[in-house]
PDB file of N, CA and C in Angstrom:
ATOM      1  N   GLN A   1      21.788   0.499   1.100  1.00  0.00           N
ATOM      2  CA  GLN A   1      20.912   0.731  -0.030  1.00  0.00           C
ATOM      3  C   GLN A   1      19.468   0.553   0.435  1.00  0.00           C
ATOM      4  N   VAL A   2      18.631   1.543   0.137  1.00  0.00           N
ATOM      5  CA  VAL A   2      17.231   1.484   0.497  1.00  0.00           C
ATOM      6  C   VAL A   2      16.486   0.657  -0.537  1.00  0.00           C
ATOM      7  N   GLN A   3      15.718  -0.298  -0.063  1.00  0.00           N
ATOM      8  CA  GLN A   3      14.887  -1.104  -0.944  1.00  0.00           C
ATOM      9  C   GLN A   3      13.506  -1.282  -0.335  1.00  0.00           C
ATOM     10  N   LEU A   4      12.495  -1.082  -1.149  1.00  0.00           N
ATOM     11  CA  LEU A   4      11.117  -1.361  -0.793  1.00  0.00           C
ATOM     12  C   LEU A   4      10.567  -2.304  -1.849  1.00  0.00           C
ATOM     13  N   VAL A   5      10.047  -3.426  -1.429  1.00  0.00           N
ATOM     14  CA  VAL A   5       9.590  -4.442  -2.361  1.00  0.00           C
ATOM     15  C   VAL A   5       8.161  -4.831  -2.026  1.00  0.00           C
ATOM     16  N   GLU A   6       7.255  -4.570  -2.961  1.00  0.00           N
ATOM     17  CA  GLU A   6       5.845  -4.895  -2.774  1.00  0.00           C
ATOM     18  C   GLU A   6       5.539  -6.289  -3.311  1.00  0.00           C
ATOM     19  N   SER A   7       4.511  -6.887  -2.740  1.00  0.00           N
ATOM     20  CA  SER A   7       4.009  -8.154  -3.229  1.00  0.00           C
ATOM     21  C   SER A   7       2.548  -8.287  -2.840  1.00  0.00           C
ATOM     22  N   GLY A   8       1.874  -9.247  -3.430  1.00  0.00           N
ATOM     23  CA  GLY A   8       0.503  -9.548  -3.055  1.00  0.00           C
ATOM     24  C   GLY A   8      -0.554  -9.094  -4.028  1.00  0.00           C
ATOM     25  N   GLY A   9      -0.177  -8.381  -5.066  1.00  0.00           N
ATOM     26  CA  GLY A   9      -1.148  -7.947  -6.047  1.00  0.00           C
ATOM     27  C   GLY A   9      -1.667  -9.113  -6.867  1.00  0.00           C
ATOM     28  N   GLY A  10      -2.727  -8.848  -7.605  1.00  0.00           N
ATOM     29  CA  GLY A  10      -3.313  -9.881  -8.438  1.00  0.00           C
ATOM     30  C   GLY A  10      -4.670  -9.480  -8.955  1.00  0.00           C
ATOM     31  N   LEU A  11      -5.375 -10.451  -9.498  1.00  0.00           N
ATOM     32  CA  LEU A  11      -6.709 -10.258 -10.051  1.00  0.00           C
ATOM     33  C   LEU A  11      -7.750 -10.761  -9.067  1.00  0.00           C
ATOM     34  N   VAL A  12      -8.693  -9.899  -8.733  1.00  0.00           N
ATOM     35  CA  VAL A  12      -9.775 -10.270  -7.821  1.00  0.00           C
ATOM     36  C   VAL A  12     -11.094  -9.756  -8.370  1.00  0.00           C
ATOM     37  N   GLN A  13     -12.175 -10.378  -7.938  1.00  0.00           N
ATOM     38  CA  GLN A  13     -13.501  -9.945  -8.340  1.00  0.00           C
ATOM     39  C   GLN A  13     -13.987  -8.802  -7.458  1.00  0.00           C
ATOM     40  N   PRO A  14     -14.883  -7.968  -7.970  1.00  0.00           N
ATOM     41  CA  PRO A  14     -15.475  -6.937  -7.116  1.00  0.00           C
ATOM     42  C   PRO A  14     -16.056  -7.542  -5.853  1.00  0.00           C
ATOM     43  N   GLY A  15     -15.810  -6.877  -4.742  1.00  0.00           N
ATOM     44  CA  GLY A  15     -16.240  -7.386  -3.452  1.00  0.00           C
ATOM     45  C   GLY A  15     -15.231  -8.288  -2.778  1.00  0.00           C
ATOM     46  N   GLY A  16     -14.196  -8.659  -3.493  1.00  0.00           N
ATOM     47  CA  GLY A  16     -13.176  -9.525  -2.950  1.00  0.00           C
ATOM     48  C   GLY A  16     -12.166  -8.779  -2.100  1.00  0.00           C
ATOM     49  N   SER A  17     -11.192  -9.528  -1.602  1.00  0.00           N
ATOM     50  CA  SER A  17     -10.172  -8.980  -0.719  1.00  0.00           C
ATOM     51  C   SER A  17      -8.785  -9.357  -1.198  1.00  0.00           C
ATOM     52  N   LEU A  18      -7.832  -8.538  -0.815  1.00  0.00           N
ATOM     53  CA  LEU A  18      -6.445  -8.769  -1.162  1.00  0.00           C
ATOM     54  C   LEU A  18      -5.586  -8.094  -0.107  1.00  0.00           C
ATOM     55  N   ARG A  19      -4.465  -8.702   0.217  1.00  0.00           N
ATOM     56  CA  ARG A  19      -3.526  -8.087   1.146  1.00  0.00           C
ATOM     57  C   ARG A  19      -2.192  -7.854   0.454  1.00  0.00           C
ATOM     58  N   LEU A  20      -1.774  -6.607   0.444  1.00  0.00           N
ATOM     59  CA  LEU A  20      -0.482  -6.237  -0.105  1.00  0.00           C
ATOM     60  C   LEU A  20       0.552  -6.173   1.006  1.00  0.00           C
ATOM     61  N   SER A  21       1.778  -6.546   0.674  1.00  0.00           N
ATOM     62  CA  SER A  21       2.876  -6.497   1.623  1.00  0.00           C
ATOM     63  C   SER A  21       4.022  -5.696   1.036  1.00  0.00           C
ATOM     64  N   CYS A  22       4.760  -5.043   1.904  1.00  0.00           N
ATOM     65  CA  CYS A  22       5.949  -4.307   1.508  1.00  0.00           C
ATOM     66  C   CYS A  22       7.049  -4.618   2.499  1.00  0.00           C
ATOM     67  N   THR A  23       8.171  -5.070   1.992  1.00  0.00           N
ATOM     68  CA  THR A  23       9.332  -5.366   2.810  1.00  0.00           C
ATOM     69  C   THR A  23      10.362  -4.268   2.624  1.00  0.00           C
ATOM     70  N   ALA A  24      10.827  -3.696   3.730  1.00  0.00           N
ATOM     71  CA  ALA A  24      11.764  -2.581   3.688  1.00  0.00           C
ATOM     72  C   ALA A  24      13.144  -3.004   4.162  1.00  0.00           C
ATOM     73  N   SER A  25      14.150  -2.421   3.549  1.00  0.00           N
ATOM     74  CA  SER A  25      15.519  -2.600   3.996  1.00  0.00           C
ATOM     75  C   SER A  25      16.286  -1.310   3.741  1.00  0.00           C
ATOM     76  N   GLY A  26      17.353  -1.100   4.495  1.00  0.00           N
ATOM     77  CA  GLY A  26      18.184   0.077   4.303  1.00  0.00           C
ATOM     78  C   GLY A  26      17.667   1.344   4.961  1.00  0.00           C
ATOM     79  N   ILE A  27      16.591   1.246   5.725  1.00  0.00           N
ATOM     80  CA  ILE A  27      16.053   2.378   6.462  1.00  0.00           C
ATOM     81  C   ILE A  27      15.852   1.975   7.922  1.00  0.00           C
ATOM     82  N   VAL A  28      15.771   2.991   8.781  1.00  0.00           N
ATOM     83  CA  VAL A  28      15.416   2.727  10.166  1.00  0.00           C
ATOM     84  C   VAL A  28      13.895   2.601  10.189  1.00  0.00           C
ATOM     85  N   PHE A  29      13.429   1.409   9.957  1.00  0.00           N
ATOM     86  CA  PHE A  29      12.019   1.194   9.691  1.00  0.00           C
ATOM     87  C   PHE A  29      11.131   1.656  10.838  1.00  0.00           C
ATOM     88  N   SER A  30      11.530   1.366  12.059  1.00  0.00           N
ATOM     89  CA  SER A  30      10.689   1.671  13.209  1.00  0.00           C
ATOM     90  C   SER A  30      10.460   3.165  13.397  1.00  0.00           C
ATOM     91  N   LEU A  31      11.290   4.003  12.806  1.00  0.00           N
ATOM     92  CA  LEU A  31      11.165   5.450  12.925  1.00  0.00           C
ATOM     93  C   LEU A  31      10.547   6.094  11.689  1.00  0.00           C
ATOM     94  N   SER A  32      10.166   5.297  10.728  1.00  0.00           N
ATOM     95  CA  SER A  32       9.744   5.813   9.432  1.00  0.00           C
ATOM     96  C   SER A  32       8.235   5.793   9.256  1.00  0.00           C
ATOM     97  N   ILE A  33       7.729   6.899   8.731  1.00  0.00           N
ATOM     98  CA  ILE A  33       6.371   6.895   8.211  1.00  0.00           C
ATOM     99  C   ILE A  33       6.362   6.051   6.943  1.00  0.00           C
ATOM    100  N   MET A  34       5.332   5.247   6.786  1.00  0.00           N
ATOM    101  CA  MET A  34       5.190   4.424   5.595  1.00  0.00           C
ATOM    102  C   MET A  34       3.862   4.737   4.922  1.00  0.00           C
ATOM    103  N   ASN A  35       3.892   4.736   3.608  1.00  0.00           N
ATOM    104  CA  ASN A  35       2.717   5.079   2.817  1.00  0.00           C
ATOM    105  C   ASN A  35       2.449   4.019   1.758  1.00  0.00           C
ATOM    106  N   TRP A  36       1.189   3.927   1.390  1.00  0.00           N
ATOM    107  CA  TRP A  36       0.790   3.233   0.176  1.00  0.00           C
ATOM    108  C   TRP A  36       0.197   4.253  -0.788  1.00  0.00           C
ATOM    109  N   TYR A  37       0.699   4.253  -2.007  1.00  0.00           N
ATOM    110  CA  TYR A  37       0.156   5.038  -3.099  1.00  0.00           C
ATOM    111  C   TYR A  37      -0.382   4.098  -4.168  1.00  0.00           C
ATOM    112  N   ARG A  38      -1.179   4.649  -5.052  1.00  0.00           N
ATOM    113  CA  ARG A  38      -1.592   3.886  -6.215  1.00  0.00           C
ATOM    114  C   ARG A  38      -1.679   4.805  -7.423  1.00  0.00           C
ATOM    115  N   GLN A  39      -1.541   4.216  -8.586  1.00  0.00           N
ATOM    116  CA  GLN A  39      -1.653   4.961  -9.824  1.00  0.00           C
ATOM    117  C   GLN A  39      -2.380   4.115 -10.857  1.00  0.00           C
ATOM    118  N   ALA A  40      -3.506   4.628 -11.314  1.00  0.00           N
ATOM    119  CA  ALA A  40      -4.269   3.987 -12.368  1.00  0.00           C
ATOM    120  C   ALA A  40      -3.861   4.584 -13.709  1.00  0.00           C
ATOM    121  N   PRO A  41      -4.052   3.845 -14.794  1.00  0.00           N
ATOM    122  CA  PRO A  41      -3.684   4.364 -16.112  1.00  0.00           C
ATOM    123  C   PRO A  41      -4.346   5.702 -16.408  1.00  0.00           C
ATOM    124  N   GLY A  42      -3.544   6.667 -16.848  1.00  0.00           N
ATOM    125  CA  GLY A  42      -4.063   7.974 -17.200  1.00  0.00           C
ATOM    126  C   GLY A  42      -4.395   8.874 -16.032  1.00  0.00           C
ATOM    127  N   LYS A  43      -4.098   8.440 -14.818  1.00  0.00           N
ATOM    128  CA  LYS A  43      -4.415   9.230 -13.640  1.00  0.00           C
ATOM    129  C   LYS A  43      -3.159   9.562 -12.848  1.00  0.00           C
ATOM    130  N   GLN A  44      -3.286  10.571 -12.008  1.00  0.00           N
ATOM    131  CA  GLN A  44      -2.182  10.963 -11.137  1.00  0.00           C
ATOM    132  C   GLN A  44      -1.991   9.948 -10.022  1.00  0.00           C
ATOM    133  N   ARG A  45      -0.797   9.883  -9.522  1.00  0.00           N
ATOM    134  CA  ARG A  45      -0.506   9.053  -8.364  1.00  0.00           C
ATOM    135  C   ARG A  45      -1.298   9.559  -7.155  1.00  0.00           C
ATOM    136  N   GLU A  46      -1.894   8.650  -6.419  1.00  0.00           N
ATOM    137  CA  GLU A  46      -2.794   8.983  -5.328  1.00  0.00           C
ATOM    138  C   GLU A  46      -2.310   8.355  -4.031  1.00  0.00           C
ATOM    139  N   LEU A  47      -2.261   9.155  -2.983  1.00  0.00           N
ATOM    140  CA  LEU A  47      -1.942   8.625  -1.659  1.00  0.00           C
ATOM    141  C   LEU A  47      -3.151   7.875  -1.124  1.00  0.00           C
ATOM    142  N   VAL A  48      -2.960   6.623  -0.784  1.00  0.00           N
ATOM    143  CA  VAL A  48      -4.039   5.765  -0.328  1.00  0.00           C
ATOM    144  C   VAL A  48      -4.101   5.684   1.183  1.00  0.00           C
ATOM    145  N   ALA A  49      -2.959   5.460   1.818  1.00  0.00           N
ATOM    146  CA  ALA A  49      -2.932   5.257   3.259  1.00  0.00           C
ATOM    147  C   ALA A  49      -1.561   5.586   3.811  1.00  0.00           C
ATOM    148  N   THR A  50      -1.536   6.010   5.069  1.00  0.00           N
ATOM    149  CA  THR A  50      -0.318   6.379   5.766  1.00  0.00           C
ATOM    150  C   THR A  50      -0.331   5.778   7.159  1.00  0.00           C
ATOM    151  N   ILE A  51       0.823   5.340   7.618  1.00  0.00           N
ATOM    152  CA  ILE A  51       0.960   4.891   8.997  1.00  0.00           C
ATOM    153  C   ILE A  51       2.241   5.470   9.575  1.00  0.00           C
ATOM    154  N   THR A  52       2.145   6.059  10.763  1.00  0.00           N
ATOM    155  CA  THR A  52       3.292   6.665  11.409  1.00  0.00           C
ATOM    156  C   THR A  52       4.085   5.620  12.174  1.00  0.00           C
ATOM    157  N   SER A  53       5.194   6.075  12.760  1.00  0.00           N
ATOM    158  CA  SER A  53       6.048   5.174  13.523  1.00  0.00           C
ATOM    159  C   SER A  53       5.358   4.600  14.747  1.00  0.00           C
ATOM    160  N   ILE A  54       4.347   5.294  15.255  1.00  0.00           N
ATOM    161  CA  ILE A  54       3.629   4.799  16.420  1.00  0.00           C
ATOM    162  C   ILE A  54       2.281   4.190  16.073  1.00  0.00           C
ATOM    163  N   GLY A  55       2.008   4.062  14.778  1.00  0.00           N
ATOM    164  CA  GLY A  55       0.819   3.347  14.370  1.00  0.00           C
ATOM    165  C   GLY A  55      -0.403   4.177  14.061  1.00  0.00           C
ATOM    166  N   SER A  56      -0.279   5.506  14.073  1.00  0.00           N
ATOM    167  CA  SER A  56      -1.406   6.341  13.675  1.00  0.00           C
ATOM    168  C   SER A  56      -1.622   6.220  12.176  1.00  0.00           C
ATOM    169  N   THR A  57      -2.871   6.172  11.757  1.00  0.00           N
ATOM    170  CA  THR A  57      -3.185   5.928  10.357  1.00  0.00           C
ATOM    171  C   THR A  57      -4.071   7.010   9.769  1.00  0.00           C
ATOM    172  N   ASN A  58      -3.966   7.172   8.461  1.00  0.00           N
ATOM    173  CA  ASN A  58      -4.830   8.048   7.687  1.00  0.00           C
ATOM    174  C   ASN A  58      -5.113   7.381   6.358  1.00  0.00           C
ATOM    175  N   TYR A  59      -6.306   7.655   5.824  1.00  0.00           N
ATOM    176  CA  TYR A  59      -6.741   7.027   4.591  1.00  0.00           C
ATOM    177  C   TYR A  59      -7.372   8.040   3.658  1.00  0.00           C
ATOM    178  N   ALA A  60      -7.222   7.781   2.371  1.00  0.00           N
ATOM    179  CA  ALA A  60      -7.985   8.533   1.395  1.00  0.00           C
ATOM    180  C   ALA A  60      -9.468   8.234   1.577  1.00  0.00           C
ATOM    181  N   ASP A  61     -10.301   9.234   1.328  1.00  0.00           N
ATOM    182  CA  ASP A  61     -11.735   9.037   1.496  1.00  0.00           C
ATOM    183  C   ASP A  61     -12.266   7.878   0.650  1.00  0.00           C
ATOM    184  N   SER A  62     -11.675   7.670  -0.506  1.00  0.00           N
ATOM    185  CA  SER A  62     -12.155   6.646  -1.410  1.00  0.00           C
ATOM    186  C   SER A  62     -11.957   5.226  -0.891  1.00  0.00           C
ATOM    187  N   VAL A  63     -11.054   5.042   0.070  1.00  0.00           N
ATOM    188  CA  VAL A  63     -10.774   3.708   0.585  1.00  0.00           C
ATOM    189  C   VAL A  63     -11.095   3.567   2.062  1.00  0.00           C
ATOM    190  N   LYS A  64     -11.485   4.642   2.693  1.00  0.00           N
ATOM    191  CA  LYS A  64     -11.793   4.615   4.123  1.00  0.00           C
ATOM    192  C   LYS A  64     -12.877   3.588   4.412  1.00  0.00           C
ATOM    193  N   ASP A  65     -12.681   2.833   5.462  1.00  0.00           N
ATOM    194  CA  ASP A  65     -13.585   1.774   5.912  1.00  0.00           C
ATOM    195  C   ASP A  65     -13.483   0.501   5.078  1.00  0.00           C
ATOM    196  N   ARG A  66     -12.651   0.514   4.049  1.00  0.00           N
ATOM    197  CA  ARG A  66     -12.433  -0.687   3.248  1.00  0.00           C
ATOM    198  C   ARG A  66     -10.992  -1.189   3.316  1.00  0.00           C
ATOM    199  N   PHE A  67     -10.052  -0.270   3.424  1.00  0.00           N
ATOM    200  CA  PHE A  67      -8.633  -0.616   3.472  1.00  0.00           C
ATOM    201  C   PHE A  67      -8.095  -0.403   4.879  1.00  0.00           C
ATOM    202  N   THR A  68      -7.112  -1.213   5.256  1.00  0.00           N
ATOM    203  CA  THR A  68      -6.450  -1.076   6.540  1.00  0.00           C
ATOM    204  C   THR A  68      -4.946  -1.188   6.352  1.00  0.00           C
ATOM    205  N   ILE A  69      -4.224  -0.160   6.775  1.00  0.00           N
ATOM    206  CA  ILE A  69      -2.768  -0.203   6.737  1.00  0.00           C
ATOM    207  C   ILE A  69      -2.248  -0.617   8.110  1.00  0.00           C
ATOM    208  N   SER A  70      -1.217  -1.432   8.123  1.00  0.00           N
ATOM    209  CA  SER A  70      -0.617  -1.871   9.371  1.00  0.00           C
ATOM    210  C   SER A  70       0.872  -2.086   9.154  1.00  0.00           C
ATOM    211  N   ARG A  71       1.592  -2.262  10.249  1.00  0.00           N
ATOM    212  CA  ARG A  71       3.028  -2.481  10.133  1.00  0.00           C
ATOM    213  C   ARG A  71       3.497  -3.460  11.190  1.00  0.00           C
ATOM    214  N   ASP A  72       4.585  -4.129  10.881  1.00  0.00           N
ATOM    215  CA  ASP A  72       5.242  -5.041  11.797  1.00  0.00           C
ATOM    216  C   ASP A  72       6.701  -4.611  11.842  1.00  0.00           C
ATOM    217  N   ASN A  73       7.064  -3.879  12.882  1.00  0.00           N
ATOM    218  CA  ASN A  73       8.414  -3.325  12.952  1.00  0.00           C
ATOM    219  C   ASN A  73       9.481  -4.409  13.097  1.00  0.00           C
ATOM    220  N   ALA A  74       9.153  -5.494  13.769  1.00  0.00           N
ATOM    221  CA  ALA A  74      10.113  -6.580  13.926  1.00  0.00           C
ATOM    222  C   ALA A  74      10.471  -7.194  12.579  1.00  0.00           C
ATOM    223  N   LYS A  75       9.480  -7.290  11.701  1.00  0.00           N
ATOM    224  CA  LYS A  75       9.704  -7.851  10.374  1.00  0.00           C
ATOM    225  C   LYS A  75      10.054  -6.796   9.333  1.00  0.00           C
ATOM    226  N   LYS A  76       9.987  -5.523   9.712  1.00  0.00           N
ATOM    227  CA  LYS A  76      10.220  -4.408   8.791  1.00  0.00           C
ATOM    228  C   LYS A  76       9.305  -4.511   7.578  1.00  0.00           C
ATOM    229  N   MET A  77       8.029  -4.697   7.872  1.00  0.00           N
ATOM    230  CA  MET A  77       7.042  -4.831   6.815  1.00  0.00           C
ATOM    231  C   MET A  77       5.843  -3.928   7.074  1.00  0.00           C
ATOM    232  N   VAL A  78       5.230  -3.502   5.998  1.00  0.00           N
ATOM    233  CA  VAL A  78       3.989  -2.753   6.059  1.00  0.00           C
ATOM    234  C   VAL A  78       2.986  -3.455   5.150  1.00  0.00           C
ATOM    235  N   TYR A  79       1.723  -3.443   5.566  1.00  0.00           N
ATOM    236  CA  TYR A  79       0.688  -4.170   4.857  1.00  0.00           C
ATOM    237  C   TYR A  79      -0.458  -3.244   4.492  1.00  0.00           C
ATOM    238  N   LEU A  80      -1.171  -3.629   3.471  1.00  0.00           N
ATOM    239  CA  LEU A  80      -2.416  -2.963   3.121  1.00  0.00           C
ATOM    240  C   LEU A  80      -3.466  -4.034   2.885  1.00  0.00           C
ATOM    241  N   GLN A  81      -4.362  -4.172   3.844  1.00  0.00           N
ATOM    242  CA  GLN A  81      -5.478  -5.095   3.710  1.00  0.00           C
ATOM    243  C   GLN A  81      -6.597  -4.382   2.971  1.00  0.00           C
ATOM    244  N   MET A  82      -7.009  -4.931   1.852  1.00  0.00           N
ATOM    245  CA  MET A  82      -8.017  -4.320   1.005  1.00  0.00           C
ATOM    246  C   MET A  82      -9.239  -5.223   0.966  1.00  0.00           C
ATOM    247  N   ASP A  83     -10.348  -4.719   1.459  1.00  0.00           N
ATOM    248  CA  ASP A  83     -11.599  -5.464   1.489  1.00  0.00           C
ATOM    249  C   ASP A  83     -12.646  -4.753   0.649  1.00  0.00           C
ATOM    250  N   ASN A  84     -13.658  -5.508   0.245  1.00  0.00           N
ATOM    251  CA  ASN A  84     -14.738  -4.958  -0.570  1.00  0.00           C
ATOM    252  C   ASN A  84     -14.194  -4.168  -1.756  1.00  0.00           C
ATOM    253  N   LEU A  85     -13.331  -4.800  -2.496  1.00  0.00           N
ATOM    254  CA  LEU A  85     -12.666  -4.122  -3.602  1.00  0.00           C
ATOM    255  C   LEU A  85     -13.640  -3.754  -4.707  1.00  0.00           C
ATOM    256  N   LYS A  86     -13.371  -2.615  -5.322  1.00  0.00           N
ATOM    257  CA  LYS A  86     -14.178  -2.090  -6.406  1.00  0.00           C
ATOM    258  C   LYS A  86     -13.331  -1.958  -7.661  1.00  0.00           C
ATOM    259  N   SER A  87     -13.991  -1.849  -8.796  1.00  0.00           N
ATOM    260  CA  SER A  87     -13.277  -1.694 -10.053  1.00  0.00           C
ATOM    261  C   SER A  87     -12.367  -0.467 -10.035  1.00  0.00           C
ATOM    262  N   ASP A  88     -12.800   0.589  -9.364  1.00  0.00           N
ATOM    263  CA  ASP A  88     -12.008   1.813  -9.297  1.00  0.00           C
ATOM    264  C   ASP A  88     -10.732   1.658  -8.477  1.00  0.00           C
ATOM    265  N   ASP A  89     -10.599   0.556  -7.766  1.00  0.00           N
ATOM    266  CA  ASP A  89      -9.377   0.290  -7.024  1.00  0.00           C
ATOM    267  C   ASP A  89      -8.272  -0.268  -7.912  1.00  0.00           C
ATOM    268  N   THR A  90      -8.596  -0.589  -9.144  1.00  0.00           N
ATOM    269  CA  THR A  90      -7.601  -1.118 -10.071  1.00  0.00           C
ATOM    270  C   THR A  90      -6.492  -0.099 -10.291  1.00  0.00           C
ATOM    271  N   ALA A  91      -5.268  -0.504 -10.020  1.00  0.00           N
ATOM    272  CA  ALA A  91      -4.124   0.394 -10.129  1.00  0.00           C
ATOM    273  C   ALA A  91      -2.859  -0.387  -9.810  1.00  0.00           C
ATOM    274  N   VAL A  92      -1.729   0.250 -10.061  1.00  0.00           N
ATOM    275  CA  VAL A  92      -0.468  -0.236  -9.534  1.00  0.00           C
ATOM    276  C   VAL A  92      -0.278   0.392  -8.165  1.00  0.00           C
ATOM    277  N   TYR A  93      -0.026  -0.423  -7.175  1.00  0.00           N
ATOM    278  CA  TYR A  93       0.124   0.035  -5.803  1.00  0.00           C
ATOM    279  C   TYR A  93       1.597   0.063  -5.426  1.00  0.00           C
ATOM    280  N   TYR A  94       2.011   1.174  -4.821  1.00  0.00           N
ATOM    281  CA  TYR A  94       3.401   1.397  -4.478  1.00  0.00           C
ATOM    282  C   TYR A  94       3.581   1.626  -2.990  1.00  0.00           C
ATOM    283  N   CYS A  95       4.599   1.036  -2.443  1.00  0.00           N
ATOM    284  CA  CYS A  95       5.054   1.312  -1.087  1.00  0.00           C
ATOM    285  C   CYS A  95       6.014   2.493  -1.122  1.00  0.00           C
ATOM    286  N   ASN A  96       5.930   3.360  -0.120  1.00  0.00           N
ATOM    287  CA  ASN A  96       6.715   4.585  -0.115  1.00  0.00           C
ATOM    288  C   ASN A  96       7.088   4.984   1.305  1.00  0.00           C
ATOM    289  N   SER A  97       8.250   5.609   1.435  1.00  0.00           N
ATOM    290  CA  SER A  97       8.644   6.219   2.695  1.00  0.00           C
ATOM    291  C   SER A  97       9.275   7.573   2.420  1.00  0.00           C
ATOM    292  N   PRO A  98       9.239   8.492   3.403  1.00  0.00           N
ATOM    293  CA  PRO A  98       9.872   9.799   3.214  1.00  0.00           C
ATOM    294  C   PRO A  98      11.341   9.659   2.849  1.00  0.00           C
ATOM    295  N   GLY A  99      11.810  10.623   2.059  1.00  0.00           N
ATOM    296  CA  GLY A  99      13.092  10.492   1.402  1.00  0.00           C
ATOM    297  C   GLY A  99      12.902  10.100  -0.040  1.00  0.00           C
ATOM    298  N   ASP A 100      11.627   9.999  -0.437  1.00  0.00           N
ATOM    299  CA  ASP A 100      11.233   9.701  -1.809  1.00  0.00           C
ATOM    300  C   ASP A 100      11.716   8.322  -2.236  1.00  0.00           C
ATOM    301  N   TYR A 101      11.535   7.363  -1.368  1.00  0.00           N
ATOM    302  CA  TYR A 101      11.848   5.985  -1.686  1.00  0.00           C
ATOM    303  C   TYR A 101      10.589   5.252  -2.113  1.00  0.00           C
ATOM    304  N   TRP A 102      10.714   4.466  -3.160  1.00  0.00           N
ATOM    305  CA  TRP A 102       9.585   3.776  -3.763  1.00  0.00           C
ATOM    306  C   TRP A 102       9.909   2.328  -4.068  1.00  0.00           C
ATOM    307  N   GLY A 103       8.904   1.492  -3.945  1.00  0.00           N
ATOM    308  CA  GLY A 103       9.020   0.132  -4.420  1.00  0.00           C
ATOM    309  C   GLY A 103       8.750   0.066  -5.905  1.00  0.00           C
ATOM    310  N   GLN A 104       8.792  -1.145  -6.447  1.00  0.00           N
ATOM    311  CA  GLN A 104       8.604  -1.332  -7.886  1.00  0.00           C
ATOM    312  C   GLN A 104       7.135  -1.358  -8.284  1.00  0.00           C
ATOM    313  N   GLY A 105       6.261  -1.501  -7.321  1.00  0.00           N
ATOM    314  CA  GLY A 105       4.837  -1.541  -7.571  1.00  0.00           C
ATOM    315  C   GLY A 105       4.316  -2.947  -7.756  1.00  0.00           C
ATOM    316  N   THR A 106       3.053  -3.139  -7.397  1.00  0.00           N
ATOM    317  CA  THR A 106       2.382  -4.406  -7.620  1.00  0.00           C
ATOM    318  C   THR A 106       0.997  -4.123  -8.185  1.00  0.00           C
ATOM    319  N   GLN A 107       0.637  -4.846  -9.221  1.00  0.00           N
ATOM    320  CA  GLN A 107      -0.611  -4.595  -9.937  1.00  0.00           C
ATOM    321  C   GLN A 107      -1.790  -5.215  -9.212  1.00  0.00           C
ATOM    322  N   VAL A 108      -2.817  -4.416  -9.008  1.00  0.00           N
ATOM    323  CA  VAL A 108      -4.090  -4.886  -8.478  1.00  0.00           C
ATOM    324  C   VAL A 108      -5.149  -4.641  -9.541  1.00  0.00           C
ATOM    325  N   THR A 109      -5.816  -5.698  -9.948  1.00  0.00           N
ATOM    326  CA  THR A 109      -6.874  -5.596 -10.940  1.00  0.00           C
ATOM    327  C   THR A 109      -8.157  -6.154 -10.351  1.00  0.00           C
ATOM    328  N   VAL A 110      -9.190  -5.334 -10.332  1.00  0.00           N
ATOM    329  CA  VAL A 110     -10.488  -5.732  -9.805  1.00  0.00           C
ATOM    330  C   VAL A 110     -11.455  -5.809 -10.971  1.00  0.00           C
ATOM    331  N   SER A 111     -11.867  -7.005 -11.300  1.00  0.00           N
ATOM    332  CA  SER A 111     -12.714  -7.209 -12.467  1.00  0.00           C
ATOM    333  C   SER A 111     -13.470  -8.517 -12.327  1.00  0.00           C
ATOM    334  N   SER A 112     -14.676  -8.529 -12.871  1.00  0.00           N
ATOM    335  CA  SER A 112     -15.460  -9.751 -12.905  1.00  0.00           C
ATOM    336  C   SER A 112     -15.191 -10.557 -14.164  1.00  0.00           C
TER     337      SER A 112
END
């Protein structure tokens, strides 16, 4: 059974930082592309960051230079380090892998 479980969301002030984690099971993690998506109320789901099996990364322009995606294949985990957070970053963040597998989401709220 494929499971992706996110954690690390919460309430932070603008300019603050947060690290999201995703734990994967039921997939060959080391061979899998992993993604972070987010969805804000009333908006479409947005691809935030991608990391390949060999560690190549891509980011949405809106988060470039502020967010960093990484992975630990030994732990079967993927992370999203979010720095200099803005109000527009407020959303539910989802871990995803090809095959249309999704985690339950973790809420990130950026507010003063």
